[in-house]
Amino acid sequence: MSLLSSIQMAGGSLQANEVALQVVGQNIANANTPGYIREVANLVPGASQGEGSLILGTGVQVQSITQQINSFLETELRNANSDQSNADTVQQTYSQLENIVGAVSSSNLSTAMNSFFSAISDVLNSPQDESVRQTAVLQGQSLASTINSMSSQTEQLRSSIDSQVASLAPQINTLTTQIAQLNIQIAQITGGGTSASAAVGLTDQRNQALSNLSKLIGVQTSTQPDGSVNVDVGGTYLVNEGTSQQVNVTQSTNQGMTVSTLEVQGTVLNPSSGQLAGLLTSRDTVLGGFEEQLNSFAGTLANEFNKIYSGGQGTTAYTQTTATNAVSAADVPLDEAGLAFTPTNGSFQIIVTNEQTGTSTTNNVAVSMLGAGHTTTLDSLAAEINNISGLQAKVVNGKLSLSTTDSNTEFAFGADTSGTLAALGINTFFTGSNADTFAVNSTVAQDPTKFAASSTGVGVDTTNAQTLANFLTQPLATQNGSTIQDLYNNMATDVTQSSANATASANAADSVQSTFSNQETATSGVNIDDEVVNMLQYQESYQASARYIATLENLLNTLVQM
């Protein structure tokens, strides 16, 4: 090998070490850059050449600059990011729901129920004291307010989460558009024939975009021969090489609320992980499921309490009253008339009293639910009541209205084995059929003397109040023997236990994500200590090559002087 060839080899060594030092500097500069993947200058021996019988090397050259990336690990980390985002979102929702239920607070539903039934017990001790009955009414209104508030807060939280669902569409579209554009640039640089990691910088950006996208929605990725990455959700492509499909927001109705759905060309996105999955689970399953439970609880409380209450009498009777619940049609059977609660076969009593003579007559009103030709409609019920002396019944806007025919007559209601009074909303304490509409009947709210504490006549005793006071722990046939207290405990326990499970799942997902993140950092992250070692090695090699050139220069000068 000639001196000139040796100088050329040394120059190549200087150039290779210079590039390697530049790569080290790039790594150090981006040590704290999110998504940056450590780069490596791949040095290889130069092509050998023959000189006589000798095979001599030609030095070193930089074959490529590649990124230290483990594709399998990157995929697992993205999946872990999706699972973590999903679990954390659900856990946060349960935490907020626990605050709404307030199982350990002093203003929770259990406290409101206990206060209400305690107030009813007080009526037993002072049956003639109107203020005590007023207190019972007020505690009933407080109970209704607590249920209404729980429902309202749950609906507001559902609405807030739905807004977050809709807000994900533009975020997803931004990221998928970015990934598609980067696919094009990477494919152009690699020419379809080299590793995509050769497109350093662009690959970093794409991996960061994929990581951010995986947190929003669980995706599957596949790398193509030209270095581009396809992205899909359950087989629906969001990115196909250099093309991205837009995610659109559509509206539908779920449990009485307008909700947002994300679609791609008519296909609904329903991922199993990511923030979107967590939000959908939170909105439809966690909060939606709780709303169903709360509505069922409120409806059961209202109807079952009213079925007992409506068979009682207050200290004053009625001269006129109108049902609170309307039927869809007055000429169809009551069990098909759109009532929230369905009457059964049986009867109820109307007690008519002549105030002048003091005489009372108890009239049984039959309610038949035995099939065609023997089924009570609201029209037939009104006609039957009109046969009772001193009373007039009519249907107004689908509601049954009763009044006396003269000023000396008043009426009250007695035992109801059919549940018709409760279903129609006549002589009831509560109104409404769900948590939103649950309230105290305005009739008793405005006149506490109508509080039906007696069961044997107007102002006679407090036997009905005794039954009502124990209602909280009374087994209900319609609930397979469960009590209202049981229903509440089950509802509160479900929230508490599910919240604990969600917290455990979130902690587990966080742990898995942290493990993969640490592994990814060890593989692709920049370690300053390692880079300093590499820098010293390349620096020493550079200096040695420079000295080698100086030595060759001296030899060349000596040769020239000879």
Protein backbone atom coordinates (compact mmCIF):
# COMPACT_ATOMS: atom_id res chain seq x y z
CA MET A 1 0.00 0.00 0.00
CA SER A 2 1.39 3.40 -0.95
CA LEU A 3 1.79 6.31 1.43
CA LEU A 4 -0.97 8.15 -0.45
CA SER A 5 -3.32 5.19 0.03
CA SER A 6 -2.44 5.13 3.71
CA ILE A 7 -3.22 8.85 3.99
CA GLN A 8 -6.53 8.25 2.23
CA MET A 9 -7.34 5.43 4.67
CA ALA A 10 -6.50 7.67 7.62
CA GLY A 11 -8.69 10.41 6.16
CA GLY A 12 -11.56 7.93 5.91
CA SER A 13 -11.01 7.05 9.57
CA LEU A 14 -11.20 10.73 10.53
CA GLN A 15 -14.42 11.12 8.58
CA ALA A 16 -16.00 7.96 10.08
CA ASN A 17 -15.14 8.98 13.65
CA GLU A 18 -16.38 12.49 12.95
CA VAL A 19 -19.76 11.08 11.86
CA ALA A 20 -19.83 8.77 14.90
CA LEU A 21 -19.12 11.75 17.18
CA GLN A 22 -21.92 13.69 15.48
CA VAL A 23 -24.35 10.81 16.19
CA VAL A 24 -23.23 10.80 19.83
CA GLY A 25 -23.85 14.54 19.98
CA GLN A 26 -27.33 14.02 18.45
CA ASN A 27 -28.16 11.46 21.15
CA ILE A 28 -26.93 13.68 23.97
CA ALA A 29 -28.82 16.69 22.60
CA ASN A 30 -32.09 14.68 22.51
CA ALA A 31 -31.64 12.81 25.78
CA ASN A 32 -34.80 14.47 27.16
CA THR A 33 -36.79 14.69 23.91
CA PRO A 34 -40.07 12.70 24.20
CA GLY A 35 -40.21 9.82 21.73
CA TYR A 36 -36.57 10.15 20.66
CA ILE A 37 -34.94 6.85 19.71
CA ARG A 38 -31.20 6.44 20.27
CA GLU A 39 -29.17 6.41 17.07
CA VAL A 40 -26.06 4.36 16.30
CA ALA A 41 -23.41 4.89 13.63
CA ASN A 42 -22.74 1.48 12.14
CA LEU A 43 -19.00 1.27 11.25
CA VAL A 44 -17.76 -1.47 8.93
CA PRO A 45 -14.31 -2.27 7.47
CA GLY A 46 -13.61 -0.85 4.04
CA ALA A 47 -13.24 -3.16 1.05
CA SER A 48 -9.95 -5.09 0.98
CA GLN A 49 -7.48 -4.75 -1.85
CA GLY A 50 -4.64 -6.93 -3.03
CA GLU A 51 -1.00 -5.86 -3.30
CA GLY A 52 1.10 -8.70 -4.55
CA SER A 53 0.47 -11.67 -2.31
CA LEU A 54 -0.92 -9.42 0.43
CA ILE A 55 -4.55 -8.59 1.14
CA LEU A 56 -4.69 -5.16 2.73
CA GLY A 57 -7.59 -3.39 4.37
CA THR A 58 -8.71 0.06 3.29
CA GLY A 59 -9.79 1.36 6.67
CA VAL A 60 -13.28 2.06 7.99
CA GLN A 61 -16.48 3.51 6.64
CA VAL A 62 -19.94 4.41 7.98
CA GLN A 63 -22.35 1.88 6.57
CA SER A 64 -25.53 3.47 8.03
CA ILE A 65 -27.06 5.37 10.90
CA THR A 66 -29.87 3.37 12.47
CA GLN A 67 -32.13 3.60 15.49
CA GLN A 68 -31.99 1.21 18.42
CA ILE A 69 -35.56 0.04 18.39
CA ASN A 70 -37.30 -3.22 19.31
CA SER A 71 -40.47 -3.38 17.21
CA PHE A 72 -42.05 -6.06 19.40
CA LEU A 73 -41.37 -4.02 22.53
CA GLU A 74 -42.75 -0.87 20.90
CA THR A 75 -45.98 -2.73 20.04
CA GLU A 76 -46.32 -4.10 23.56
CA LEU A 77 -45.72 -0.64 25.02
CA ARG A 78 -48.43 0.87 22.82
CA ASN A 79 -50.83 -1.86 23.94
CA ALA A 80 -49.86 -1.18 27.57
CA ASN A 81 -50.48 2.54 27.02
CA SER A 82 -53.94 1.74 25.67
CA ASP A 83 -54.80 -0.55 28.59
CA GLN A 84 -53.50 1.99 31.11
CA SER A 85 -55.53 4.81 29.58
CA ASN A 86 -58.65 2.65 29.54
CA ALA A 87 -58.26 1.47 33.14
CA ASP A 88 -57.37 4.92 34.50
CA THR A 89 -60.40 6.49 32.80
CA VAL A 90 -62.80 3.92 34.27
CA GLN A 91 -61.18 4.22 37.70
CA GLN A 92 -61.56 8.01 37.67
CA THR A 93 -65.23 7.65 36.76
CA TYR A 94 -65.87 5.25 39.63
CA SER A 95 -64.11 7.64 41.99
CA GLN A 96 -66.47 10.43 40.91
CA LEU A 97 -69.48 8.10 41.17
CA GLU A 98 -68.50 7.18 44.72
CA ASN A 99 -68.61 10.88 45.58
CA ILE A 100 -72.11 11.08 44.11
CA VAL A 101 -73.34 8.06 46.05
CA GLY A 102 -71.59 9.38 49.16
CA ALA A 103 -71.81 6.07 50.96
CA VAL A 104 -69.69 7.35 53.85
CA SER A 105 -70.99 10.92 54.01
CA SER A 106 -73.59 12.32 56.39
CA SER A 107 -75.88 13.48 53.57
CA ASN A 108 -76.20 10.24 51.65
CA LEU A 109 -79.34 8.45 50.54
CA SER A 110 -79.26 6.04 53.47
CA THR A 111 -79.28 8.94 55.94
CA ALA A 112 -82.16 10.62 54.08
CA MET A 113 -84.21 7.42 54.17
CA ASN A 114 -83.58 6.86 57.87
CA SER A 115 -84.57 10.45 58.66
CA PHE A 116 -87.77 10.10 56.63
CA PHE A 117 -88.92 6.86 58.27
CA SER A 118 -87.90 8.19 61.67
CA ALA A 119 -90.17 11.21 61.04
CA ILE A 120 -93.04 8.82 60.23
CA SER A 121 -92.42 7.08 63.57
CA ASP A 122 -92.78 10.46 65.28
CA VAL A 123 -96.32 10.70 63.86
CA LEU A 124 -97.21 7.65 65.97
CA ASN A 125 -96.30 9.54 69.13
CA SER A 126 -98.21 12.71 68.24
CA PRO A 127 -100.94 11.71 65.78
CA GLN A 128 -102.93 14.94 66.17
CA ASP A 129 -99.95 17.27 65.88
CA GLU A 130 -99.99 18.72 62.37
CA SER A 131 -96.40 19.99 62.71
CA VAL A 132 -95.18 16.41 63.16
CA ARG A 133 -96.92 15.40 59.96
CA GLN A 134 -95.41 18.46 58.31
CA THR A 135 -91.96 17.26 59.41
CA ALA A 136 -92.62 13.86 57.85
CA VAL A 137 -93.56 15.60 54.60
CA LEU A 138 -90.43 17.76 54.73
CA GLN A 139 -88.23 14.71 55.34
CA GLY A 140 -89.94 13.05 52.38
CA GLN A 141 -89.08 16.06 50.25
CA SER A 142 -85.48 15.91 51.50
CA LEU A 143 -85.36 12.23 50.49
CA ALA A 144 -86.75 13.11 47.06
CA SER A 145 -84.22 15.93 46.70
CA THR A 146 -81.36 13.55 47.53
CA ILE A 147 -82.51 11.06 44.88
CA ASN A 148 -83.04 13.86 42.34
CA SER A 149 -79.57 15.26 43.08
CA MET A 150 -77.91 11.87 42.65
CA SER A 151 -79.65 11.44 39.32
CA SER A 152 -78.80 14.96 38.17
CA GLN A 153 -75.14 14.63 39.10
CA THR A 154 -74.91 11.26 37.36
CA GLU A 155 -76.50 12.69 34.21
CA GLN A 156 -74.15 15.68 34.29
CA LEU A 157 -71.15 13.37 34.62
CA ARG A 158 -72.43 11.22 31.75
CA SER A 159 -72.87 14.35 29.64
CA SER A 160 -69.36 15.51 30.48
CA ILE A 161 -67.91 12.14 29.50
CA ASP A 162 -69.93 12.17 26.28
CA SER A 163 -68.38 15.54 25.43
CA GLN A 164 -64.97 13.97 25.93
CA VAL A 165 -65.93 11.17 23.53
CA ALA A 166 -66.81 13.72 20.85
CA SER A 167 -63.60 15.67 21.48
CA LEU A 168 -61.48 12.61 20.66
CA ALA A 169 -62.46 12.67 16.97
CA PRO A 170 -60.37 15.73 15.98
CA GLN A 171 -57.46 14.51 18.11
CA ILE A 172 -57.50 11.11 16.40
CA ASN A 173 -57.80 12.73 12.96
CA THR A 174 -54.82 14.99 13.63
CA LEU A 175 -52.64 12.06 14.62
CA THR A 176 -53.71 9.74 11.78
CA THR A 177 -53.13 12.51 9.23
CA GLN A 178 -49.66 13.08 10.69
CA ILE A 179 -48.87 9.35 10.56
CA ALA A 180 -50.00 9.10 6.92
CA GLN A 181 -47.83 12.08 5.94
CA LEU A 182 -44.83 10.64 7.76
CA ASN A 183 -45.42 7.31 6.01
CA ILE A 184 -45.01 9.06 2.66
CA GLN A 185 -41.83 10.84 3.72
CA ILE A 186 -40.28 7.71 5.22
CA ALA A 187 -41.11 5.65 2.14
CA GLN A 188 -39.50 8.30 -0.08
CA ILE A 189 -36.30 8.32 2.01
CA THR A 190 -35.96 4.56 2.31
CA GLY A 191 -36.90 3.99 -1.31
CA GLY A 192 -38.78 0.91 -0.23
CA GLY A 193 -35.59 -1.07 0.04
CA THR A 194 -33.96 -0.19 3.35
CA SER A 195 -34.97 -0.21 6.96
CA ALA A 196 -37.45 2.48 7.98
CA SER A 197 -35.13 3.29 10.87
CA ALA A 198 -32.79 4.82 8.32
CA ALA A 199 -35.27 7.69 8.15
CA VAL A 200 -34.08 8.92 11.54
CA GLY A 201 -36.07 11.77 13.02
CA LEU A 202 -39.16 10.99 10.93
CA THR A 203 -39.45 7.55 12.53
CA ASP A 204 -39.19 9.19 15.94
CA GLN A 205 -42.06 11.49 15.10
CA ARG A 206 -44.20 8.66 13.77
CA ASN A 207 -43.55 6.46 16.81
CA GLN A 208 -44.49 9.35 19.08
CA ALA A 209 -47.70 9.92 17.09
CA LEU A 210 -48.51 6.19 17.29
CA SER A 211 -47.88 6.26 21.04
CA ASN A 212 -50.20 9.26 21.48
CA LEU A 213 -52.83 7.60 19.27
CA SER A 214 -52.66 4.36 21.27
CA LYS A 215 -53.52 6.29 24.43
CA LEU A 216 -56.68 7.62 22.77
CA ILE A 217 -57.79 4.42 21.05
CA GLY A 218 -56.46 0.87 21.03
CA VAL A 219 -54.94 0.28 17.60
CA GLN A 220 -53.22 -2.51 15.70
CA THR A 221 -50.27 -1.68 13.46
CA SER A 222 -48.54 -3.49 10.59
CA THR A 223 -45.29 -2.38 8.94
CA GLN A 224 -45.20 -2.49 5.14
CA PRO A 225 -42.16 -3.30 2.90
CA ASP A 226 -41.71 0.36 2.00
CA GLY A 227 -41.38 1.30 5.70
CA SER A 228 -44.89 2.76 6.09
CA VAL A 229 -47.15 1.65 8.95
CA ASN A 230 -50.83 0.77 8.56
CA VAL A 231 -53.12 1.46 11.52
CA ASP A 232 -56.51 -0.15 12.16
CA VAL A 233 -59.06 -0.54 14.92
CA GLY A 234 -60.75 -3.93 14.89
CA GLY A 235 -60.17 -4.29 11.17
CA THR A 236 -61.29 -0.75 10.32
CA TYR A 237 -58.33 1.11 8.80
CA LEU A 238 -57.49 4.56 10.09
CA VAL A 239 -54.21 4.76 8.13
CA ASN A 240 -53.36 2.80 5.00
CA GLU A 241 -49.84 3.70 3.86
CA GLY A 242 -50.08 7.38 2.85
CA THR A 243 -53.86 7.70 3.27
CA SER A 244 -55.86 8.34 6.45
CA GLN A 245 -59.60 7.98 7.00
CA GLN A 246 -61.42 10.64 8.99
CA VAL A 247 -63.26 9.78 12.20
CA ASN A 248 -66.71 11.40 12.36
CA VAL A 249 -69.03 12.07 15.30
CA THR A 250 -72.64 10.87 15.04
CA GLN A 251 -75.46 11.25 17.54
CA SER A 252 -77.87 8.66 18.90
CA THR A 253 -80.09 8.18 21.95
CA ASN A 254 -79.10 6.01 24.87
CA GLN A 255 -81.12 5.78 28.11
CA GLY A 256 -82.93 9.00 27.31
CA MET A 257 -79.74 10.96 26.60
CA THR A 258 -78.24 12.06 23.30
CA VAL A 259 -74.83 10.43 23.07
CA SER A 260 -71.90 10.66 20.69
CA THR A 261 -70.54 7.79 18.63
CA LEU A 262 -67.32 7.77 16.62
CA GLU A 263 -67.55 6.27 13.14
CA VAL A 264 -65.34 5.72 10.11
CA GLN A 265 -67.38 5.58 6.89
CA GLY A 266 -70.42 4.27 8.74
CA THR A 267 -68.51 1.74 10.86
CA VAL A 268 -68.78 2.41 14.58
CA LEU A 269 -65.48 2.42 16.45
CA ASN A 270 -65.78 0.31 19.56
CA PRO A 271 -62.21 -0.38 20.72
CA SER A 272 -61.35 -2.66 23.60
CA SER A 273 -58.71 -0.34 25.04
CA GLY A 274 -57.56 3.27 25.06
CA GLN A 275 -59.24 6.37 26.44
CA LEU A 276 -62.18 5.99 24.06
CA ALA A 277 -62.91 2.50 25.39
CA GLY A 278 -62.69 3.81 28.96
CA LEU A 279 -65.01 6.72 28.21
CA LEU A 280 -67.59 4.49 26.49
CA THR A 281 -67.48 2.02 29.39
CA SER A 282 -67.79 4.88 31.88
CA ARG A 283 -70.68 6.54 30.07
CA ASP A 284 -72.74 3.51 29.07
CA THR A 285 -71.87 0.78 31.58
CA VAL A 286 -70.65 2.45 34.77
CA LEU A 287 -72.88 5.53 34.86
CA GLY A 288 -75.60 4.15 32.61
CA GLY A 289 -75.80 1.02 34.74
CA PHE A 290 -75.95 3.07 37.94
CA GLU A 291 -78.71 5.24 36.50
CA GLU A 292 -80.74 2.13 35.74
CA GLN A 293 -80.25 0.92 39.31
CA LEU A 294 -81.14 4.31 40.78
CA ASN A 295 -84.23 4.64 38.57
CA SER A 296 -85.34 1.13 39.50
CA PHE A 297 -84.76 1.87 43.18
CA ALA A 298 -86.70 5.15 43.04
CA GLY A 299 -89.56 3.58 41.10
CA THR A 300 -89.78 0.65 43.49
CA LEU A 301 -89.68 2.93 46.54
CA ALA A 302 -92.42 5.17 45.15
CA ASN A 303 -94.75 2.40 44.01
CA GLU A 304 -94.35 0.01 46.95
CA PHE A 305 -94.64 2.81 49.52
CA ASN A 306 -97.67 4.26 47.72
CA LYS A 307 -99.42 0.89 47.59
CA ILE A 308 -99.47 0.89 51.39
CA TYR A 309 -99.94 4.61 51.85
CA SER A 310 -102.84 4.98 49.38
CA GLY A 311 -105.00 2.63 51.48
CA GLY A 312 -104.83 5.00 54.45
CA GLN A 313 -106.55 8.18 55.60
CA GLY A 314 -105.35 11.47 57.03
CA THR A 315 -107.01 13.63 59.66
CA THR A 316 -109.06 15.33 56.93
CA ALA A 317 -110.84 13.85 53.91
CA TYR A 318 -111.14 14.93 50.26
CA THR A 319 -113.81 16.87 48.45
CA GLN A 320 -111.90 16.71 45.20
CA THR A 321 -108.72 15.06 43.90
CA THR A 322 -107.10 14.25 40.56
CA ALA A 323 -104.70 11.46 39.70
CA THR A 324 -101.10 12.45 39.03
CA ASN A 325 -100.53 9.78 36.36
CA ALA A 326 -102.23 9.77 32.96
CA VAL A 327 -103.10 6.79 30.75
CA SER A 328 -102.30 6.69 27.06
CA ALA A 329 -105.92 5.85 26.24
CA ALA A 330 -108.92 5.73 28.57
CA ASP A 331 -110.65 2.90 26.69
CA VAL A 332 -107.86 0.31 26.89
CA PRO A 333 -107.16 -2.04 29.82
CA LEU A 334 -105.21 -0.36 32.61
CA ASP A 335 -102.41 -2.88 32.31
CA GLU A 336 -101.96 -1.79 28.67
CA ALA A 337 -102.54 1.94 29.13
CA GLY A 338 -98.92 3.06 29.41
CA LEU A 339 -98.82 3.40 33.18
CA ALA A 340 -95.38 3.17 34.76
CA PHE A 341 -96.76 0.73 37.34
CA THR A 342 -99.30 -1.93 36.39
CA PRO A 343 -102.44 -2.60 38.47
CA THR A 344 -103.37 -6.19 39.24
CA ASN A 345 -106.61 -7.99 39.79
CA GLY A 346 -108.25 -6.84 43.02
CA SER A 347 -110.15 -3.86 44.42
CA PHE A 348 -109.86 -0.67 46.42
CA GLN A 349 -112.17 1.15 48.81
CA ILE A 350 -113.73 4.60 48.71
CA ILE A 351 -115.19 5.78 52.01
CA VAL A 352 -117.94 8.37 51.53
CA THR A 353 -119.01 10.41 54.57
CA ASN A 354 -121.98 12.74 55.04
CA GLU A 355 -120.73 15.51 57.33
CA GLN A 356 -124.25 16.48 58.42
CA THR A 357 -125.30 13.02 59.55
CA GLY A 358 -121.84 11.67 60.30
CA THR A 359 -122.63 8.45 58.49
CA SER A 360 -119.98 6.75 56.39
CA THR A 361 -120.29 4.19 53.63
CA THR A 362 -117.43 2.01 52.48
CA ASN A 363 -117.64 1.14 48.79
CA ASN A 364 -115.55 -1.54 47.07
CA VAL A 365 -114.40 -0.69 43.56
CA ALA A 366 -113.43 -3.83 41.65
CA VAL A 367 -110.46 -3.87 39.33
CA SER A 368 -110.54 -6.79 36.91
CA MET A 369 -107.41 -7.93 35.09
CA LEU A 370 -108.73 -11.30 33.94
CA GLY A 371 -108.65 -10.82 30.17
CA ALA A 372 -110.90 -9.68 27.34
CA GLY A 373 -114.38 -8.63 28.42
CA HIS A 374 -113.41 -8.59 32.07
CA THR A 375 -110.68 -5.96 32.07
CA THR A 376 -110.95 -2.56 33.74
CA THR A 377 -110.24 0.56 31.71
CA LEU A 378 -110.06 4.10 33.04
CA ASP A 379 -113.44 4.84 31.44
CA SER A 380 -115.05 1.79 33.06
CA LEU A 381 -113.44 2.68 36.39
CA ALA A 382 -114.89 6.19 36.21
CA ALA A 383 -118.31 4.73 35.36
CA GLU A 384 -118.15 2.36 38.33
CA ILE A 385 -117.25 5.21 40.70
CA ASN A 386 -120.11 7.31 39.31
CA ASN A 387 -122.46 4.64 40.64
CA ILE A 388 -121.40 5.56 44.18
CA SER A 389 -123.83 8.02 45.75
CA GLY A 390 -122.34 11.45 46.40
CA LEU A 391 -119.36 11.02 44.04
CA GLN A 392 -118.62 12.13 40.51
CA ALA A 393 -115.74 10.76 38.42
CA LYS A 394 -114.50 11.82 35.01
CA VAL A 395 -111.44 11.43 32.83
CA VAL A 396 -109.56 14.67 32.11
CA ASN A 397 -106.51 14.54 29.83
CA GLY A 398 -106.06 10.87 30.60
CA LYS A 399 -106.26 11.39 34.36
CA LEU A 400 -109.03 10.25 36.68
CA SER A 401 -110.64 13.14 38.57
CA LEU A 402 -112.98 12.62 41.54
CA SER A 403 -115.21 15.14 43.34
CA THR A 404 -118.26 15.22 45.58
CA THR A 405 -121.68 16.13 44.26
CA ASP A 406 -122.62 18.34 47.23
CA SER A 407 -120.89 20.39 49.93
CA ASN A 408 -121.92 18.04 52.75
CA THR A 409 -120.03 15.06 51.35
CA GLU A 410 -116.37 14.11 51.65
CA PHE A 411 -114.48 10.98 50.76
CA ALA A 412 -111.33 9.04 51.60
CA PHE A 413 -109.70 5.87 50.36
CA GLY A 414 -109.28 2.47 51.97
CA ALA A 415 -107.46 -0.80 51.45
CA ASP A 416 -106.24 -1.33 47.89
CA THR A 417 -105.37 -4.90 46.91
CA SER A 418 -104.95 -4.06 43.21
CA GLY A 419 -102.34 -1.29 43.37
CA THR A 420 -104.61 0.85 41.19
CA LEU A 421 -104.50 3.93 43.41
CA ALA A 422 -100.70 3.84 43.47
CA ALA A 423 -100.53 3.24 39.70
CA LEU A 424 -102.90 6.13 38.90
CA GLY A 425 -101.41 8.43 41.54
CA ILE A 426 -104.48 8.87 43.71
CA ASN A 427 -104.03 9.41 47.48
CA THR A 428 -100.30 8.80 47.14
CA PHE A 429 -97.35 10.26 49.02
CA PHE A 430 -94.77 10.03 46.26
CA THR A 431 -95.07 10.84 42.59
CA GLY A 432 -92.86 9.87 39.69
CA SER A 433 -91.53 6.58 38.41
CA ASN A 434 -87.76 7.20 38.28
CA ALA A 435 -85.02 9.16 40.01
CA ASP A 436 -85.57 12.29 37.91
CA THR A 437 -89.32 12.54 38.54
CA PHE A 438 -89.35 11.23 42.12
CA ALA A 439 -91.13 13.80 44.34
CA VAL A 440 -93.67 14.27 47.12
CA ASN A 441 -97.28 14.58 45.97
CA SER A 442 -98.24 18.25 45.97
CA THR A 443 -101.57 17.40 47.65
CA VAL A 444 -99.97 16.20 50.89
CA ALA A 445 -97.12 18.73 50.58
CA GLN A 446 -99.65 21.57 50.65
CA ASP A 447 -101.89 19.95 53.26
CA PRO A 448 -100.08 17.68 55.78
CA THR A 449 -103.44 16.73 57.32
CA LYS A 450 -103.84 14.48 54.30
CA PHE A 451 -100.87 12.37 55.51
CA ALA A 452 -102.48 8.92 55.55
CA ALA A 453 -101.54 7.66 59.01
CA SER A 454 -104.85 5.88 59.71
CA SER A 455 -106.21 2.71 58.14
CA THR A 456 -109.67 2.45 59.78
CA GLY A 457 -111.06 5.90 59.05
CA VAL A 458 -110.27 9.60 58.83
CA GLY A 459 -108.20 10.57 61.87
CA VAL A 460 -109.14 7.35 63.74
CA ASP A 461 -105.75 5.74 64.40
CA THR A 462 -102.12 5.46 63.24
CA THR A 463 -102.04 1.82 62.15
CA ASN A 464 -101.12 2.74 58.57
CA ALA A 465 -98.27 4.92 59.83
CA GLN A 466 -97.01 1.96 61.88
CA THR A 467 -96.76 -0.12 58.70
CA LEU A 468 -95.15 2.78 56.81
CA ALA A 469 -92.58 3.37 59.57
CA ASN A 470 -91.40 -0.24 59.20
CA PHE A 471 -91.48 -0.14 55.40
CA LEU A 472 -87.70 0.25 55.08
CA THR A 473 -87.13 -3.33 56.27
CA GLN A 474 -90.34 -4.89 54.97
CA PRO A 475 -89.78 -7.76 52.45
CA LEU A 476 -91.28 -6.95 49.07
CA ALA A 477 -92.91 -9.69 47.01
CA THR A 478 -92.13 -7.87 43.76
CA GLN A 479 -88.41 -7.88 44.70
CA ASN A 480 -88.22 -11.57 45.62
CA GLY A 481 -88.33 -10.78 49.32
CA SER A 482 -85.70 -8.06 49.27
CA THR A 483 -86.35 -4.88 51.24
CA ILE A 484 -85.85 -1.29 50.19
CA GLN A 485 -82.86 -1.25 52.54
CA ASP A 486 -81.49 -4.30 50.72
CA LEU A 487 -81.94 -2.60 47.33
CA TYR A 488 -80.06 0.47 48.52
CA ASN A 489 -77.29 -1.61 50.11
CA ASN A 490 -76.88 -3.62 46.91
CA MET A 491 -76.67 -0.45 44.85
CA ALA A 492 -74.12 1.22 47.14
CA THR A 493 -72.11 -1.99 47.52
CA ASP A 494 -71.98 -2.49 43.76
CA VAL A 495 -70.46 0.96 43.34
CA THR A 496 -67.97 0.49 46.19
CA GLN A 497 -66.82 -2.97 45.11
CA SER A 498 -66.68 -2.06 41.42
CA SER A 499 -64.65 1.02 42.30
CA ALA A 500 -62.20 -1.11 44.29
CA ASN A 501 -61.89 -3.52 41.35
CA ALA A 502 -61.36 -0.61 38.94
CA THR A 503 -58.63 0.77 41.19
CA ALA A 504 -56.90 -2.62 41.30
CA SER A 505 -57.13 -2.91 37.51
CA ALA A 506 -55.73 0.60 37.06
CA ASN A 507 -52.83 -0.15 39.41
CA ALA A 508 -52.09 -3.36 37.51
CA ALA A 509 -52.23 -1.57 34.16
CA ASP A 510 -49.95 1.16 35.49
CA SER A 511 -47.46 -1.47 36.65
CA VAL A 512 -47.44 -3.26 33.28
CA GLN A 513 -47.05 0.03 31.42
CA SER A 514 -44.20 1.06 33.70
CA THR A 515 -42.41 -2.26 33.10
CA PHE A 516 -42.62 -1.99 29.32
CA SER A 517 -41.69 1.69 29.46
CA ASN A 518 -38.57 0.91 31.45
CA GLN A 519 -37.64 -1.86 29.02
CA GLU A 520 -38.21 0.46 26.08
CA THR A 521 -36.07 3.15 27.70
CA ALA A 522 -33.27 0.65 28.29
CA THR A 523 -33.40 -0.35 24.62
CA SER A 524 -34.16 2.89 22.81
CA GLY A 525 -33.53 5.61 25.35
CA VAL A 526 -30.39 7.69 25.69
CA ASN A 527 -28.06 6.88 28.56
CA ILE A 528 -25.75 9.87 29.06
CA ASP A 529 -23.05 7.76 30.73
CA ASP A 530 -22.95 5.36 27.78
CA GLU A 531 -22.81 8.22 25.31
CA VAL A 532 -19.88 9.83 27.17
CA VAL A 533 -17.98 6.53 26.99
CA ASN A 534 -18.70 6.29 23.24
CA MET A 535 -17.68 9.91 22.78
CA LEU A 536 -14.29 9.29 24.47
CA GLN A 537 -13.70 6.20 22.35
CA TYR A 538 -14.45 8.01 19.07
CA GLN A 539 -12.41 11.00 20.23
CA GLU A 540 -9.37 8.84 20.97
CA SER A 541 -9.77 7.06 17.64
CA TYR A 542 -10.04 10.42 15.88
CA GLN A 543 -6.89 11.67 17.63
CA ALA A 544 -5.01 8.47 16.79
CA SER A 545 -6.00 8.80 13.13
CA ALA A 546 -4.78 12.40 13.16
CA ARG A 547 -1.40 11.32 14.60
CA TYR A 548 -1.24 8.56 12.00
CA ILE A 549 -1.69 11.16 9.26
CA ALA A 550 1.05 13.30 10.83
CA THR A 551 3.41 10.31 10.82
CA LEU A 552 2.59 9.57 7.18
CA GLU A 553 3.21 13.22 6.36
CA ASN A 554 6.70 13.01 7.92
CA LEU A 555 7.46 9.86 5.95
CA LEU A 556 6.25 11.51 2.76
CA ASN A 557 8.43 14.58 3.43
CA THR A 558 11.47 12.34 4.07
CA LEU A 559 10.78 10.46 0.85
CA VAL A 560 10.61 13.73 -1.10
CA GLN A 561 13.91 14.98 0.39
CA MET A 562 15.82 11.82 -0.52
